[in-house]
Amino acid sequence: MSFWELIWTVVVSFLFVAYLILLFQILNDLFRDTELGGFAKAVWIFFLFVTPLISALVYVIARGNGMARRSQERSERIAEETENYVRRVAGRPTPAEQIESARTLLAQGEITDAEYDRLKSMALA
């Protein structure tokens, strides 16, 4: 095998892997899209396997903006769910809950006004 055949094999392999990644991204987007009907999904999948390169390019051109938007919304939703989970598991009260707790202690006479102000400033910090 000559040097140029090796280079050509590497280039073709890279392009094939890049196409497979694009294909899986498109299929992932198709199956998770709730706005697109089942028949339209079937048509896209049919053309992705019959004319793979052309239909992949058409899909990215026609639905690329929506694909990016749906991916961003999914990432934001996952980040928010993760943040809520961590807060819930950590058991750390929110600043509003800390202030409310301090206000309750002040109303019961267990802390002074100065201590309440200090707890409030710590909660807001």
PDB file of N, CA and C in Angstrom:
ATOM      1  N   MET A   1       0.850  -1.171   0.000  1.00  0.00           N
ATOM      2  CA  MET A   1       0.000   0.000   0.000  1.00  0.00           C
ATOM      3  C   MET A   1       0.897   1.235   0.000  1.00  0.00           C
ATOM      4  N   SER A   2       0.665   2.116  -0.964  1.00  0.00           N
ATOM      5  CA  SER A   2       1.485   3.314  -1.071  1.00  0.00           C
ATOM      6  C   SER A   2       1.020   4.369  -0.065  1.00  0.00           C
ATOM      7  N   PHE A   3       1.825   5.403   0.067  1.00  0.00           N
ATOM      8  CA  PHE A   3       1.526   6.488   0.988  1.00  0.00           C
ATOM      9  C   PHE A   3       0.209   7.164   0.632  1.00  0.00           C
ATOM     10  N   TRP A   4      -0.030   7.424  -0.662  1.00  0.00           N
ATOM     11  CA  TRP A   4      -1.242   8.130  -1.080  1.00  0.00           C
ATOM     12  C   TRP A   4      -2.484   7.263  -0.898  1.00  0.00           C
ATOM     13  N   GLU A   5      -2.339   5.962  -1.043  1.00  0.00           N
ATOM     14  CA  GLU A   5      -3.477   5.078  -0.769  1.00  0.00           C
ATOM     15  C   GLU A   5      -3.836   5.114   0.711  1.00  0.00           C
ATOM     16  N   LEU A   6      -2.824   5.176   1.561  1.00  0.00           N
ATOM     17  CA  LEU A   6      -3.046   5.269   2.994  1.00  0.00           C
ATOM     18  C   LEU A   6      -3.745   6.587   3.349  1.00  0.00           C
ATOM     19  N   ILE A   7      -3.268   7.677   2.766  1.00  0.00           N
ATOM     20  CA  ILE A   7      -3.901   8.986   3.007  1.00  0.00           C
ATOM     21  C   ILE A   7      -5.349   8.953   2.528  1.00  0.00           C
ATOM     22  N   TRP A   8      -5.597   8.406   1.363  1.00  0.00           N
ATOM     23  CA  TRP A   8      -6.952   8.318   0.822  1.00  0.00           C
ATOM     24  C   TRP A   8      -7.846   7.477   1.738  1.00  0.00           C
ATOM     25  N   THR A   9      -7.332   6.389   2.263  1.00  0.00           N
ATOM     26  CA  THR A   9      -8.092   5.539   3.175  1.00  0.00           C
ATOM     27  C   THR A   9      -8.444   6.292   4.456  1.00  0.00           C
ATOM     28  N   VAL A  10      -7.508   7.068   4.977  1.00  0.00           N
ATOM     29  CA  VAL A  10      -7.769   7.858   6.184  1.00  0.00           C
ATOM     30  C   VAL A  10      -8.841   8.910   5.912  1.00  0.00           C
ATOM     31  N   VAL A  11      -8.756   9.593   4.774  1.00  0.00           N
ATOM     32  CA  VAL A  11      -9.740  10.622   4.428  1.00  0.00           C
ATOM     33  C   VAL A  11     -11.125  10.014   4.260  1.00  0.00           C
ATOM     34  N   VAL A  12     -11.213   8.925   3.541  1.00  0.00           N
ATOM     35  CA  VAL A  12     -12.504   8.268   3.323  1.00  0.00           C
ATOM     36  C   VAL A  12     -13.074   7.762   4.643  1.00  0.00           C
ATOM     37  N   SER A  13     -12.236   7.206   5.494  1.00  0.00           N
ATOM     38  CA  SER A  13     -12.692   6.726   6.801  1.00  0.00           C
ATOM     39  C   SER A  13     -13.215   7.882   7.645  1.00  0.00           C
ATOM     40  N   PHE A  14     -12.502   9.002   7.624  1.00  0.00           N
ATOM     41  CA  PHE A  14     -12.950  10.174   8.367  1.00  0.00           C
ATOM     42  C   PHE A  14     -14.304  10.664   7.866  1.00  0.00           C
ATOM     43  N   LEU A  15     -14.464  10.765   6.559  1.00  0.00           N
ATOM     44  CA  LEU A  15     -15.733  11.222   5.998  1.00  0.00           C
ATOM     45  C   LEU A  15     -16.871  10.256   6.314  1.00  0.00           C
ATOM     46  N   PHE A  16     -16.584   8.972   6.315  1.00  0.00           N
ATOM     47  CA  PHE A  16     -17.614   7.982   6.649  1.00  0.00           C
ATOM     48  C   PHE A  16     -18.048   8.116   8.108  1.00  0.00           C
ATOM     49  N   VAL A  17     -17.091   8.272   9.004  1.00  0.00           N
ATOM     50  CA  VAL A  17     -17.428   8.440  10.425  1.00  0.00           C
ATOM     51  C   VAL A  17     -18.188   9.749  10.632  1.00  0.00           C
ATOM     52  N   ALA A  18     -17.779  10.814   9.944  1.00  0.00           N
ATOM     53  CA  ALA A  18     -18.482  12.094  10.053  1.00  0.00           C
ATOM     54  C   ALA A  18     -19.925  11.952   9.563  1.00  0.00           C
ATOM     55  N   TYR A  19     -20.135  11.210   8.470  1.00  0.00           N
ATOM     56  CA  TYR A  19     -21.494  10.991   7.981  1.00  0.00           C
ATOM     57  C   TYR A  19     -22.309  10.187   8.991  1.00  0.00           C
ATOM     58  N   LEU A  20     -21.708   9.161   9.579  1.00  0.00           N
ATOM     59  CA  LEU A  20     -22.440   8.369  10.575  1.00  0.00           C
ATOM     60  C   LEU A  20     -22.857   9.218  11.771  1.00  0.00           C
ATOM     61  N   ILE A  21     -21.974  10.106  12.216  1.00  0.00           N
ATOM     62  CA  ILE A  21     -22.325  11.006  13.325  1.00  0.00           C
ATOM     63  C   ILE A  21     -23.487  11.896  12.923  1.00  0.00           C
ATOM     64  N   LEU A  22     -23.433  12.454  11.721  1.00  0.00           N
ATOM     65  CA  LEU A  22     -24.527  13.294  11.227  1.00  0.00           C
ATOM     66  C   LEU A  22     -25.817  12.491  11.120  1.00  0.00           C
ATOM     67  N   LEU A  23     -25.741  11.269  10.623  1.00  0.00           N
ATOM     68  CA  LEU A  23     -26.926  10.425  10.485  1.00  0.00           C
ATOM     69  C   LEU A  23     -27.567  10.160  11.847  1.00  0.00           C
ATOM     70  N   PHE A  24     -26.754   9.844  12.846  1.00  0.00           N
ATOM     71  CA  PHE A  24     -27.305   9.588  14.174  1.00  0.00           C
ATOM     72  C   PHE A  24     -27.882  10.857  14.798  1.00  0.00           C
ATOM     73  N   GLN A  25     -27.271  12.007  14.528  1.00  0.00           N
ATOM     74  CA  GLN A  25     -27.833  13.272  15.017  1.00  0.00           C
ATOM     75  C   GLN A  25     -29.199  13.533  14.375  1.00  0.00           C
ATOM     76  N   ILE A  26     -29.304  13.270  13.090  1.00  0.00           N
ATOM     77  CA  ILE A  26     -30.573  13.479  12.390  1.00  0.00           C
ATOM     78  C   ILE A  26     -31.633  12.518  12.911  1.00  0.00           C
ATOM     79  N   LEU A  27     -31.284  11.253  13.055  1.00  0.00           N
ATOM     80  CA  LEU A  27     -32.246  10.272  13.569  1.00  0.00           C
ATOM     81  C   LEU A  27     -32.673  10.621  14.998  1.00  0.00           C
ATOM     82  N   ASN A  28     -31.730  11.052  15.811  1.00  0.00           N
ATOM     83  CA  ASN A  28     -32.035  11.480  17.174  1.00  0.00           C
ATOM     84  C   ASN A  28     -33.015  12.656  17.146  1.00  0.00           C
ATOM     85  N   ASP A  29     -32.759  13.627  16.294  1.00  0.00           N
ATOM     86  CA  ASP A  29     -33.646  14.781  16.182  1.00  0.00           C
ATOM     87  C   ASP A  29     -35.026  14.376  15.676  1.00  0.00           C
ATOM     88  N   LEU A  30     -35.065  13.475  14.697  1.00  0.00           N
ATOM     89  CA  LEU A  30     -36.351  13.024  14.162  1.00  0.00           C
ATOM     90  C   LEU A  30     -37.204  12.344  15.223  1.00  0.00           C
ATOM     91  N   PHE A  31     -36.617  11.431  15.973  1.00  0.00           N
ATOM     92  CA  PHE A  31     -37.389  10.674  16.948  1.00  0.00           C
ATOM     93  C   PHE A  31     -37.812  11.513  18.146  1.00  0.00           C
ATOM     94  N   ARG A  32     -37.066  12.567  18.478  1.00  0.00           N
ATOM     95  CA  ARG A  32     -37.407  13.401  19.628  1.00  0.00           C
ATOM     96  C   ARG A  32     -38.281  14.589  19.259  1.00  0.00           C
ATOM     97  N   ASP A  33     -38.483  14.850  17.979  1.00  0.00           N
ATOM     98  CA  ASP A  33     -39.297  15.987  17.552  1.00  0.00           C
ATOM     99  C   ASP A  33     -40.777  15.643  17.720  1.00  0.00           C
ATOM    100  N   THR A  34     -41.463  16.387  18.588  1.00  0.00           N
ATOM    101  CA  THR A  34     -42.878  16.115  18.835  1.00  0.00           C
ATOM    102  C   THR A  34     -43.782  16.825  17.833  1.00  0.00           C
ATOM    103  N   GLU A  35     -43.267  17.801  17.120  1.00  0.00           N
ATOM    104  CA  GLU A  35     -44.076  18.560  16.176  1.00  0.00           C
ATOM    105  C   GLU A  35     -44.237  17.845  14.834  1.00  0.00           C
ATOM    106  N   LEU A  36     -43.314  16.974  14.500  1.00  0.00           N
ATOM    107  CA  LEU A  36     -43.331  16.285  13.215  1.00  0.00           C
ATOM    108  C   LEU A  36     -44.145  15.002  13.334  1.00  0.00           C
ATOM    109  N   GLY A  37     -45.022  14.771  12.364  1.00  0.00           N
ATOM    110  CA  GLY A  37     -45.881  13.587  12.394  1.00  0.00           C
ATOM    111  C   GLY A  37     -45.135  12.310  12.028  1.00  0.00           C
ATOM    112  N   GLY A  38     -45.779  11.194  12.301  1.00  0.00           N
ATOM    113  CA  GLY A  38     -45.172   9.897  12.056  1.00  0.00           C
ATOM    114  C   GLY A  38     -44.899   9.630  10.590  1.00  0.00           C
ATOM    115  N   PHE A  39     -45.816  10.042   9.699  1.00  0.00           N
ATOM    116  CA  PHE A  39     -45.614   9.807   8.274  1.00  0.00           C
ATOM    117  C   PHE A  39     -44.416  10.596   7.760  1.00  0.00           C
ATOM    118  N   ALA A  40     -44.292  11.844   8.205  1.00  0.00           N
ATOM    119  CA  ALA A  40     -43.157  12.676   7.778  1.00  0.00           C
ATOM    120  C   ALA A  40     -41.838  12.091   8.292  1.00  0.00           C
ATOM    121  N   LYS A  41     -41.858  11.564   9.512  1.00  0.00           N
ATOM    122  CA  LYS A  41     -40.654  10.924  10.048  1.00  0.00           C
ATOM    123  C   LYS A  41     -40.276   9.704   9.212  1.00  0.00           C
ATOM    124  N   ALA A  42     -41.272   8.911   8.831  1.00  0.00           N
ATOM    125  CA  ALA A  42     -41.021   7.723   8.016  1.00  0.00           C
ATOM    126  C   ALA A  42     -40.454   8.105   6.655  1.00  0.00           C
ATOM    127  N   VAL A  43     -40.960   9.180   6.071  1.00  0.00           N
ATOM    128  CA  VAL A  43     -40.458   9.631   4.771  1.00  0.00           C
ATOM    129  C   VAL A  43     -38.993  10.073   4.893  1.00  0.00           C
ATOM    130  N   TRP A  44     -38.681  10.846   5.932  1.00  0.00           N
ATOM    131  CA  TRP A  44     -37.299  11.277   6.128  1.00  0.00           C
ATOM    132  C   TRP A  44     -36.372  10.078   6.303  1.00  0.00           C
ATOM    133  N   ILE A  45     -36.788   9.120   7.112  1.00  0.00           N
ATOM    134  CA  ILE A  45     -35.951   7.937   7.354  1.00  0.00           C
ATOM    135  C   ILE A  45     -35.765   7.137   6.068  1.00  0.00           C
ATOM    136  N   PHE A  46     -36.836   6.998   5.282  1.00  0.00           N
ATOM    137  CA  PHE A  46     -36.750   6.285   4.007  1.00  0.00           C
ATOM    138  C   PHE A  46     -35.697   6.937   3.116  1.00  0.00           C
ATOM    139  N   PHE A  47     -35.776   8.260   2.965  1.00  0.00           N
ATOM    140  CA  PHE A  47     -34.831   8.941   2.088  1.00  0.00           C
ATOM    141  C   PHE A  47     -33.417   8.961   2.662  1.00  0.00           C
ATOM    142  N   LEU A  48     -33.300   8.934   3.989  1.00  0.00           N
ATOM    143  CA  LEU A  48     -31.959   8.871   4.579  1.00  0.00           C
ATOM    144  C   LEU A  48     -31.257   7.571   4.240  1.00  0.00           C
ATOM    145  N   PHE A  49     -32.023   6.506   4.040  1.00  0.00           N
ATOM    146  CA  PHE A  49     -31.395   5.225   3.698  1.00  0.00           C
ATOM    147  C   PHE A  49     -31.337   4.980   2.190  1.00  0.00           C
ATOM    148  N   VAL A  50     -32.205   5.622   1.417  1.00  0.00           N
ATOM    149  CA  VAL A  50     -32.188   5.438  -0.038  1.00  0.00           C
ATOM    150  C   VAL A  50     -31.179   6.367  -0.695  1.00  0.00           C
ATOM    151  N   THR A  51     -31.240   7.643  -0.360  1.00  0.00           N
ATOM    152  CA  THR A  51     -30.282   8.626  -0.885  1.00  0.00           C
ATOM    153  C   THR A  51     -29.627   9.329   0.306  1.00  0.00           C
ATOM    154  N   PRO A  52     -28.680   8.683   0.930  1.00  0.00           N
ATOM    155  CA  PRO A  52     -28.194   9.158   2.224  1.00  0.00           C
ATOM    156  C   PRO A  52     -27.557  10.548   2.223  1.00  0.00           C
ATOM    157  N   LEU A  53     -26.627  10.820   1.353  1.00  0.00           N
ATOM    158  CA  LEU A  53     -25.905  12.078   1.408  1.00  0.00           C
ATOM    159  C   LEU A  53     -26.798  13.262   1.054  1.00  0.00           C
ATOM    160  N   ILE A  54     -27.567  13.130  -0.006  1.00  0.00           N
ATOM    161  CA  ILE A  54     -28.422  14.230  -0.446  1.00  0.00           C
ATOM    162  C   ILE A  54     -29.505  14.522   0.585  1.00  0.00           C
ATOM    163  N   SER A  55     -30.159  13.483   1.095  1.00  0.00           N
ATOM    164  CA  SER A  55     -31.238  13.725   2.054  1.00  0.00           C
ATOM    165  C   SER A  55     -30.689  14.260   3.382  1.00  0.00           C
ATOM    166  N   ALA A  56     -29.479  13.863   3.772  1.00  0.00           N
ATOM    167  CA  ALA A  56     -28.878  14.413   4.989  1.00  0.00           C
ATOM    168  C   ALA A  56     -28.597  15.903   4.813  1.00  0.00           C
ATOM    169  N   LEU A  57     -28.078  16.275   3.672  1.00  0.00           N
ATOM    170  CA  LEU A  57     -27.825  17.692   3.404  1.00  0.00           C
ATOM    171  C   LEU A  57     -29.128  18.485   3.354  1.00  0.00           C
ATOM    172  N   VAL A  58     -30.151  17.932   2.703  1.00  0.00           N
ATOM    173  CA  VAL A  58     -31.446  18.610   2.634  1.00  0.00           C
ATOM    174  C   VAL A  58     -32.037  18.766   4.029  1.00  0.00           C
ATOM    175  N   TYR A  59     -31.912  17.734   4.858  1.00  0.00           N
ATOM    176  CA  TYR A  59     -32.444  17.798   6.225  1.00  0.00           C
ATOM    177  C   TYR A  59     -31.746  18.902   7.020  1.00  0.00           C
ATOM    178  N   VAL A  60     -30.422  18.955   6.931  1.00  0.00           N
ATOM    179  CA  VAL A  60     -29.680  19.967   7.676  1.00  0.00           C
ATOM    180  C   VAL A  60     -30.034  21.365   7.179  1.00  0.00           C
ATOM    181  N   ILE A  61     -30.218  21.528   5.880  1.00  0.00           N
ATOM    182  CA  ILE A  61     -30.581  22.834   5.336  1.00  0.00           C
ATOM    183  C   ILE A  61     -32.015  23.200   5.726  1.00  0.00           C
ATOM    184  N   ALA A  62     -32.937  22.265   5.578  1.00  0.00           N
ATOM    185  CA  ALA A  62     -34.355  22.564   5.814  1.00  0.00           C
ATOM    186  C   ALA A  62     -34.704  22.658   7.297  1.00  0.00           C
ATOM    187  N   ARG A  63     -34.116  21.810   8.113  1.00  0.00           N
ATOM    188  CA  ARG A  63     -34.517  21.740   9.521  1.00  0.00           C
ATOM    189  C   ARG A  63     -33.376  22.021  10.488  1.00  0.00           C
ATOM    190  N   GLY A  64     -32.277  22.575  10.004  1.00  0.00           N
ATOM    191  CA  GLY A  64     -31.103  22.808  10.842  1.00  0.00           C
ATOM    192  C   GLY A  64     -31.355  23.770  11.989  1.00  0.00           C
ATOM    193  N   ASN A  65     -32.081  24.868  11.729  1.00  0.00           N
ATOM    194  CA  ASN A  65     -32.364  25.831  12.797  1.00  0.00           C
ATOM    195  C   ASN A  65     -33.212  25.201  13.891  1.00  0.00           C
ATOM    196  N   GLY A  66     -34.237  24.462  13.495  1.00  0.00           N
ATOM    197  CA  GLY A  66     -35.074  23.786  14.480  1.00  0.00           C
ATOM    198  C   GLY A  66     -34.305  22.722  15.227  1.00  0.00           C
ATOM    199  N   MET A  67     -33.400  22.066  14.528  1.00  0.00           N
ATOM    200  CA  MET A  67     -32.565  21.037  15.142  1.00  0.00           C
ATOM    201  C   MET A  67     -31.699  21.655  16.240  1.00  0.00           C
ATOM    202  N   ALA A  68     -31.104  22.793  15.959  1.00  0.00           N
ATOM    203  CA  ALA A  68     -30.270  23.487  16.947  1.00  0.00           C
ATOM    204  C   ALA A  68     -31.121  23.994  18.107  1.00  0.00           C
ATOM    205  N   ARG A  69     -32.294  24.539  17.816  1.00  0.00           N
ATOM    206  CA  ARG A  69     -33.172  25.053  18.858  1.00  0.00           C
ATOM    207  C   ARG A  69     -33.615  23.936  19.794  1.00  0.00           C
ATOM    208  N   ARG A  70     -34.032  22.809  19.218  1.00  0.00           N
ATOM    209  CA  ARG A  70     -34.480  21.681  20.047  1.00  0.00           C
ATOM    210  C   ARG A  70     -33.332  21.137  20.890  1.00  0.00           C
ATOM    211  N   SER A  71     -32.137  21.092  20.338  1.00  0.00           N
ATOM    212  CA  SER A  71     -30.980  20.620  21.085  1.00  0.00           C
ATOM    213  C   SER A  71     -30.660  21.564  22.237  1.00  0.00           C
ATOM    214  N   GLN A  72     -30.731  22.860  21.996  1.00  0.00           N
ATOM    215  CA  GLN A  72     -30.461  23.834  23.048  1.00  0.00           C
ATOM    216  C   GLN A  72     -31.523  23.761  24.143  1.00  0.00           C
ATOM    217  N   GLU A  73     -32.787  23.648  23.768  1.00  0.00           N
ATOM    218  CA  GLU A  73     -33.860  23.533  24.762  1.00  0.00           C
ATOM    219  C   GLU A  73     -33.684  22.273  25.604  1.00  0.00           C
ATOM    220  N   ARG A  74     -33.307  21.184  24.960  1.00  0.00           N
ATOM    221  CA  ARG A  74     -33.096  19.927  25.685  1.00  0.00           C
ATOM    222  C   ARG A  74     -31.929  20.070  26.660  1.00  0.00           C
ATOM    223  N   SER A  75     -30.852  20.733  26.252  1.00  0.00           N
ATOM    224  CA  SER A  75     -29.697  20.934  27.131  1.00  0.00           C
ATOM    225  C   SER A  75     -30.061  21.818  28.319  1.00  0.00           C
ATOM    226  N   GLU A  76     -30.827  22.879  28.059  1.00  0.00           N
ATOM    227  CA  GLU A  76     -31.244  23.772  29.150  1.00  0.00           C
ATOM    228  C   GLU A  76     -32.155  23.040  30.128  1.00  0.00           C
ATOM    229  N   ARG A  77     -33.059  22.231  29.611  1.00  0.00           N
ATOM    230  CA  ARG A  77     -33.974  21.482  30.477  1.00  0.00           C
ATOM    231  C   ARG A  77     -33.206  20.478  31.335  1.00  0.00           C
ATOM    232  N   ILE A  78     -32.235  19.800  30.741  1.00  0.00           N
ATOM    233  CA  ILE A  78     -31.431  18.836  31.491  1.00  0.00           C
ATOM    234  C   ILE A  78     -30.614  19.545  32.564  1.00  0.00           C
ATOM    235  N   ALA A  79     -30.032  20.712  32.237  1.00  0.00           N
ATOM    236  CA  ALA A  79     -29.247  21.466  33.220  1.00  0.00           C
ATOM    237  C   ALA A  79     -30.130  21.926  34.376  1.00  0.00           C
ATOM    238  N   GLU A  80     -31.336  22.391  34.062  1.00  0.00           N
ATOM    239  CA  GLU A  80     -32.256  22.846  35.106  1.00  0.00           C
ATOM    240  C   GLU A  80     -32.689  21.686  35.996  1.00  0.00           C
ATOM    241  N   GLU A  81     -32.992  20.540  35.392  1.00  0.00           N
ATOM    242  CA  GLU A  81     -33.381  19.376  36.182  1.00  0.00           C
ATOM    243  C   GLU A  81     -32.233  18.910  37.074  1.00  0.00           C
ATOM    244  N   THR A  82     -31.028  18.943  36.555  1.00  0.00           N
ATOM    245  CA  THR A  82     -29.860  18.553  37.347  1.00  0.00           C
ATOM    246  C   THR A  82     -29.654  19.514  38.510  1.00  0.00           C
ATOM    247  N   GLU A  83     -29.783  20.808  38.249  1.00  0.00           N
ATOM    248  CA  GLU A  83     -29.625  21.807  39.303  1.00  0.00           C
ATOM    249  C   GLU A  83     -30.689  21.627  40.388  1.00  0.00           C
ATOM    250  N   ASN A  84     -31.936  21.398  39.987  1.00  0.00           N
ATOM    251  CA  ASN A  84     -33.007  21.169  40.963  1.00  0.00           C
ATOM    252  C   ASN A  84     -32.745  19.908  41.775  1.00  0.00           C
ATOM    253  N   TYR A  85     -32.253  18.870  41.131  1.00  0.00           N
ATOM    254  CA  TYR A  85     -31.953  17.621  41.828  1.00  0.00           C
ATOM    255  C   TYR A  85     -30.854  17.828  42.863  1.00  0.00           C
ATOM    256  N   VAL A  86     -29.799  18.519  42.470  1.00  0.00           N
ATOM    257  CA  VAL A  86     -28.685  18.753  43.386  1.00  0.00           C
ATOM    258  C   VAL A  86     -29.154  19.583  44.584  1.00  0.00           C
ATOM    259  N   ARG A  87     -29.952  20.605  44.333  1.00  0.00           N
ATOM    260  CA  ARG A  87     -30.472  21.416  45.436  1.00  0.00           C
ATOM    261  C   ARG A  87     -31.333  20.574  46.367  1.00  0.00           C
ATOM    262  N   ARG A  88     -32.169  19.732  45.797  1.00  0.00           N
ATOM    263  CA  ARG A  88     -33.065  18.911  46.609  1.00  0.00           C
ATOM    264  C   ARG A  88     -32.271  17.911  47.443  1.00  0.00           C
ATOM    265  N   VAL A  89     -31.265  17.285  46.842  1.00  0.00           N
ATOM    266  CA  VAL A  89     -30.485  16.279  47.552  1.00  0.00           C
ATOM    267  C   VAL A  89     -29.583  16.936  48.597  1.00  0.00           C
ATOM    268  N   ALA A  90     -29.032  18.078  48.267  1.00  0.00           N
ATOM    269  CA  ALA A  90     -28.139  18.754  49.203  1.00  0.00           C
ATOM    270  C   ALA A  90     -28.902  19.244  50.433  1.00  0.00           C
ATOM    271  N   GLY A  91     -30.170  19.530  50.289  1.00  0.00           N
ATOM    272  CA  GLY A  91     -30.987  19.946  51.417  1.00  0.00           C
ATOM    273  C   GLY A  91     -30.714  21.357  51.883  1.00  0.00           C
ATOM    274  N   ARG A  92     -29.998  22.131  51.109  1.00  0.00           N
ATOM    275  CA  ARG A  92     -29.719  23.514  51.481  1.00  0.00           C
ATOM    276  C   ARG A  92     -30.936  24.359  51.162  1.00  0.00           C
ATOM    277  N   PRO A  93     -31.440  25.084  52.159  1.00  0.00           N
ATOM    278  CA  PRO A  93     -32.622  25.906  51.901  1.00  0.00           C
ATOM    279  C   PRO A  93     -32.282  27.104  51.013  1.00  0.00           C
ATOM    280  N   THR A  94     -33.278  27.575  50.305  1.00  0.00           N
ATOM    281  CA  THR A  94     -33.111  28.747  49.451  1.00  0.00           C
ATOM    282  C   THR A  94     -32.999  29.986  50.334  1.00  0.00           C
ATOM    283  N   PRO A  95     -32.504  31.103  49.803  1.00  0.00           N
ATOM    284  CA  PRO A  95     -32.419  32.330  50.609  1.00  0.00           C
ATOM    285  C   PRO A  95     -33.777  32.753  51.176  1.00  0.00           C
ATOM    286  N   ALA A  96     -34.835  32.608  50.387  1.00  0.00           N
ATOM    287  CA  ALA A  96     -36.158  32.978  50.885  1.00  0.00           C
ATOM    288  C   ALA A  96     -36.559  32.109  52.073  1.00  0.00           C
ATOM    289  N   GLU A  97     -36.234  30.826  52.013  1.00  0.00           N
ATOM    290  CA  GLU A  97     -36.546  29.929  53.129  1.00  0.00           C
ATOM    291  C   GLU A  97     -35.715  30.274  54.357  1.00  0.00           C
ATOM    292  N   GLN A  98     -34.465  30.670  54.166  1.00  0.00           N
ATOM    293  CA  GLN A  98     -33.617  31.057  55.289  1.00  0.00           C
ATOM    294  C   GLN A  98     -34.153  32.322  55.961  1.00  0.00           C
ATOM    295  N   ILE A  99     -34.573  33.290  55.166  1.00  0.00           N
ATOM    296  CA  ILE A  99     -35.115  34.533  55.720  1.00  0.00           C
ATOM    297  C   ILE A  99     -36.421  34.262  56.449  1.00  0.00           C
ATOM    298  N   GLU A 100     -37.259  33.422  55.875  1.00  0.00           N
ATOM    299  CA  GLU A 100     -38.524  33.077  56.526  1.00  0.00           C
ATOM    300  C   GLU A 100     -38.277  32.373  57.859  1.00  0.00           C
ATOM    301  N   SER A 101     -37.305  31.497  57.905  1.00  0.00           N
ATOM    302  CA  SER A 101     -36.953  30.811  59.146  1.00  0.00           C
ATOM    303  C   SER A 101     -36.451  31.798  60.191  1.00  0.00           C
ATOM    304  N   ALA A 102     -35.613  32.746  59.768  1.00  0.00           N
ATOM    305  CA  ALA A 102     -35.116  33.772  60.697  1.00  0.00           C
ATOM    306  C   ALA A 102     -36.259  34.652  61.182  1.00  0.00           C
ATOM    307  N   ARG A 103     -37.200  34.987  60.303  1.00  0.00           N
ATOM    308  CA  ARG A 103     -38.353  35.806  60.689  1.00  0.00           C
ATOM    309  C   ARG A 103     -39.206  35.069  61.726  1.00  0.00           C
ATOM    310  N   THR A 104     -39.351  33.769  61.557  1.00  0.00           N
ATOM    311  CA  THR A 104     -40.102  32.966  62.523  1.00  0.00           C
ATOM    312  C   THR A 104     -39.410  32.978  63.879  1.00  0.00           C
ATOM    313  N   LEU A 105     -38.077  32.830  63.871  1.00  0.00           N
ATOM    314  CA  LEU A 105     -37.335  32.876  65.128  1.00  0.00           C
ATOM    315  C   LEU A 105     -37.451  34.242  65.790  1.00  0.00           C
ATOM    316  N   LEU A 106     -37.450  35.316  64.984  1.00  0.00           N
ATOM    317  CA  LEU A 106     -37.602  36.665  65.524  1.00  0.00           C
ATOM    318  C   LEU A 106     -38.985  36.841  66.136  1.00  0.00           C
ATOM    319  N   ALA A 107     -40.001  36.343  65.462  1.00  0.00           N
ATOM    320  CA  ALA A 107     -41.374  36.462  65.973  1.00  0.00           C
ATOM    321  C   ALA A 107     -41.553  35.678  67.268  1.00  0.00           C
ATOM    322  N   GLN A 108     -40.850  34.575  67.404  1.00  0.00           N
ATOM    323  CA  GLN A 108     -40.941  33.772  68.629  1.00  0.00           C
ATOM    324  C   GLN A 108     -40.081  34.352  69.749  1.00  0.00           C
ATOM    325  N   GLY A 109     -39.270  35.349  69.422  1.00  0.00           N
ATOM    326  CA  GLY A 109     -38.442  35.994  70.433  1.00  0.00           C
ATOM    327  C   GLY A 109     -37.157  35.245  70.737  1.00  0.00           C
ATOM    328  N   GLU A 110     -36.775  34.321  69.898  1.00  0.00           N
ATOM    329  CA  GLU A 110     -35.572  33.539  70.149  1.00  0.00           C
ATOM    330  C   GLU A 110     -34.307  34.235  69.660  1.00  0.00           C
ATOM    331  N   ILE A 111     -34.439  35.214  68.763  1.00  0.00           N
ATOM    332  CA  ILE A 111     -33.284  35.985  68.302  1.00  0.00           C
ATOM    333  C   ILE A 111     -33.629  37.465  68.371  1.00  0.00           C
ATOM    334  N   THR A 112     -32.604  38.295  68.374  1.00  0.00           N
ATOM    335  CA  THR A 112     -32.811  39.741  68.423  1.00  0.00           C
ATOM    336  C   THR A 112     -32.889  40.296  67.001  1.00  0.00           C
ATOM    337  N   ASP A 113     -33.219  41.600  66.940  1.00  0.00           N
ATOM    338  CA  ASP A 113     -33.282  42.259  65.629  1.00  0.00           C
ATOM    339  C   ASP A 113     -31.915  42.258  64.944  1.00  0.00           C
ATOM    340  N   ALA A 114     -30.859  42.442  65.714  1.00  0.00           N
ATOM    341  CA  ALA A 114     -29.510  42.448  65.136  1.00  0.00           C
ATOM    342  C   ALA A 114     -29.160  41.077  64.565  1.00  0.00           C
ATOM    343  N   GLU A 115     -29.528  40.029  65.296  1.00  0.00           N
ATOM    344  CA  GLU A 115     -29.267  38.674  64.802  1.00  0.00           C
ATOM    345  C   GLU A 115     -30.098  38.381  63.549  1.00  0.00           C
ATOM    346  N   TYR A 116     -31.334  38.872  63.525  1.00  0.00           N
ATOM    347  CA  TYR A 116     -32.185  38.691  62.346  1.00  0.00           C
ATOM    348  C   TYR A 116     -31.560  39.379  61.132  1.00  0.00           C
ATOM    349  N   ASP A 117     -31.094  40.611  61.322  1.00  0.00           N
ATOM    350  CA  ASP A 117     -30.459  41.338  60.209  1.00  0.00           C
ATOM    351  C   ASP A 117     -29.200  40.619  59.721  1.00  0.00           C
ATOM    352  N   ARG A 118     -28.428  40.055  60.655  1.00  0.00           N
ATOM    353  CA  ARG A 118     -27.220  39.326  60.269  1.00  0.00           C
ATOM    354  C   ARG A 118     -27.572  38.057  59.478  1.00  0.00           C
ATOM    355  N   LEU A 119     -28.585  37.303  59.940  1.00  0.00           N
ATOM    356  CA  LEU A 119     -29.022  36.103  59.222  1.00  0.00           C
ATOM    357  C   LEU A 119     -29.574  36.452  57.842  1.00  0.00           C
ATOM    358  N   LYS A 120     -30.296  37.559  57.775  1.00  0.00           N
ATOM    359  CA  LYS A 120     -30.868  37.992  56.497  1.00  0.00           C
ATOM    360  C   LYS A 120     -29.748  38.368  55.512  1.00  0.00           C
ATOM    361  N   SER A 121     -28.750  39.085  56.003  1.00  0.00           N
ATOM    362  CA  SER A 121     -27.640  39.479  55.106  1.00  0.00           C
ATOM    363  C   SER A 121     -26.829  38.255  54.670  1.00  0.00           C
ATOM    364  N   MET A 122     -26.686  37.283  55.567  1.00  0.00           N
ATOM    365  CA  MET A 122     -25.977  36.050  55.192  1.00  0.00           C
ATOM    366  C   MET A 122     -26.759  35.266  54.135  1.00  0.00           C
ATOM    367  N   ALA A 123     -28.078  35.235  54.264  1.00  0.00           N
ATOM    368  CA  ALA A 123     -28.894  34.508  53.298  1.00  0.00           C
ATOM    369  C   ALA A 123     -28.846  35.170  51.920  1.00  0.00           C
ATOM    370  N   LEU A 124     -28.782  36.490  51.905  1.00  0.00           N
ATOM    371  CA  LEU A 124     -28.765  37.220  50.627  1.00  0.00           C
ATOM    372  C   LEU A 124     -27.369  37.298  50.011  1.00  0.00           C
ATOM    373  N   ALA A 125     -26.358  36.947  50.776  1.00  0.00           N
ATOM    374  CA  ALA A 125     -24.980  37.019  50.256  1.00  0.00           C
ATOM    375  C   ALA A 125     -24.683  35.870  49.316  1.00  0.00           C
TER     376      ALA A 125
END
